[in-house]
PDB file of N, CA and C in Angstrom:
ATOM      1  N   UNK A   1       0.858  -1.203   0.000  1.00  0.00           N
ATOM      2  CA  UNK A   1       0.000   0.000   0.000  1.00  0.00           C
ATOM      3  C   UNK A   1       0.890   1.248   0.000  1.00  0.00           C
ATOM      4  N   UNK A   2       1.899   1.209   0.820  1.00  0.00           N
ATOM      5  CA  UNK A   2       2.787   2.367   0.898  1.00  0.00           C
ATOM      6  C   UNK A   2       3.522   2.595  -0.420  1.00  0.00           C
ATOM      7  N   UNK A   3       3.975   1.489  -0.981  1.00  0.00           N
ATOM      8  CA  UNK A   3       4.723   1.579  -2.242  1.00  0.00           C
ATOM      9  C   UNK A   3       3.851   2.186  -3.343  1.00  0.00           C
ATOM     10  N   UNK A   4       2.606   1.760  -3.400  1.00  0.00           N
ATOM     11  CA  UNK A   4       1.694   2.267  -4.439  1.00  0.00           C
ATOM     12  C   UNK A   4       1.489   3.766  -4.251  1.00  0.00           C
ATOM     13  N   UNK A   5       1.307   4.178  -3.024  1.00  0.00           N
ATOM     14  CA  UNK A   5       1.068   5.599  -2.743  1.00  0.00           C
ATOM     15  C   UNK A   5       2.270   6.418  -3.208  1.00  0.00           C
ATOM     16  N   UNK A   6       3.459   5.913  -2.911  1.00  0.00           N
ATOM     17  CA  UNK A   6       4.671   6.621  -3.299  1.00  0.00           C
ATOM     18  C   UNK A   6       4.751   6.729  -4.813  1.00  0.00           C
ATOM     19  N   UNK A   7       4.421   5.646  -5.483  1.00  0.00           N
ATOM     20  CA  UNK A   7       4.466   5.620  -6.956  1.00  0.00           C
ATOM     21  C   UNK A   7       3.522   6.674  -7.527  1.00  0.00           C
ATOM     22  N   UNK A   8       2.315   6.716  -6.996  1.00  0.00           N
ATOM     23  CA  UNK A   8       1.326   7.688  -7.487  1.00  0.00           C
ATOM     24  C   UNK A   8       1.825   9.106  -7.234  1.00  0.00           C
ATOM     25  N   UNK A   9       2.349   9.333  -6.055  1.00  0.00           N
ATOM     26  CA  UNK A   9       2.846  10.667  -5.708  1.00  0.00           C
ATOM     27  C   UNK A   9       3.937  11.094  -6.690  1.00  0.00           C
ATOM     28  N   UNK A  10       4.849  10.171  -6.975  1.00  0.00           N
ATOM     29  CA  UNK A  10       5.941  10.461  -7.909  1.00  0.00           C
ATOM     30  C   UNK A  10       5.402  10.783  -9.297  1.00  0.00           C
ATOM     31  N   UNK A  11       4.426   9.998  -9.736  1.00  0.00           N
ATOM     32  CA  UNK A  11       3.839  10.216 -11.068  1.00  0.00           C
ATOM     33  C   UNK A  11       3.207  11.601 -11.144  1.00  0.00           C
ATOM     34  N   UNK A  12       2.474  11.970 -10.116  1.00  0.00           N
ATOM     35  CA  UNK A  12       1.821  13.285 -10.102  1.00  0.00           C
ATOM     36  C   UNK A  12       2.877  14.386 -10.117  1.00  0.00           C
ATOM     37  N   UNK A  13       3.921  14.180  -9.327  1.00  0.00           N
ATOM     38  CA  UNK A  13       4.992  15.175  -9.255  1.00  0.00           C
ATOM     39  C   UNK A  13       5.618  15.382 -10.629  1.00  0.00           C
ATOM     40  N   UNK A  14       5.898  14.284 -11.309  1.00  0.00           N
ATOM     41  CA  UNK A  14       6.486  14.351 -12.648  1.00  0.00           C
ATOM     42  C   UNK A  14       5.548  15.074 -13.602  1.00  0.00           C
ATOM     43  N   UNK A  15       4.277  14.785 -13.502  1.00  0.00           N
ATOM     44  CA  UNK A  15       3.285  15.411 -14.384  1.00  0.00           C
ATOM     45  C   UNK A  15       3.260  16.926 -14.157  1.00  0.00           C
ATOM     46  N   UNK A  16       3.262  17.322 -12.914  1.00  0.00           N
ATOM     47  CA  UNK A  16       3.225  18.755 -12.593  1.00  0.00           C
ATOM     48  C   UNK A  16       4.505  19.419 -13.099  1.00  0.00           C
ATOM     49  N   UNK A  17       5.623  18.724 -12.923  1.00  0.00           N
ATOM     50  CA  UNK A  17       6.899  19.272 -13.386  1.00  0.00           C
ATOM     51  C   UNK A  17       6.876  19.471 -14.901  1.00  0.00           C
ATOM     52  N   UNK A  18       6.286  18.524 -15.595  1.00  0.00           N
ATOM     53  CA  UNK A  18       6.213  18.616 -17.057  1.00  0.00           C
ATOM     54  C   UNK A  18       5.332  19.789 -17.471  1.00  0.00           C
ATOM     55  N   UNK A  19       4.245  19.982 -16.739  1.00  0.00           N
ATOM     56  CA  UNK A  19       3.322  21.078 -17.067  1.00  0.00           C
ATOM     57  C   UNK A  19       3.998  22.420 -16.811  1.00  0.00           C
ATOM     58  N   UNK A  20       4.831  22.450 -15.751  1.00  0.00           N
ATOM     59  CA  UNK A  20       5.551  23.676 -15.418  1.00  0.00           C
ATOM     60  C   UNK A  20       4.571  24.842 -15.295  1.00  0.00           C
ATOM     61  N   UNK A  21       3.643  24.725 -14.385  1.00  0.00           N
ATOM     62  CA  UNK A  21       2.632  25.774 -14.218  1.00  0.00           C
ATOM     63  C   UNK A  21       3.265  26.971 -13.480  1.00  0.00           C
TER      64      UNK A  21
END
């Protein structure tokens, strides 16, 4: 459960970084 949460968090972080809002 913890690992999945971390993975999702990382994915979101990468997405936001790509958007560069």
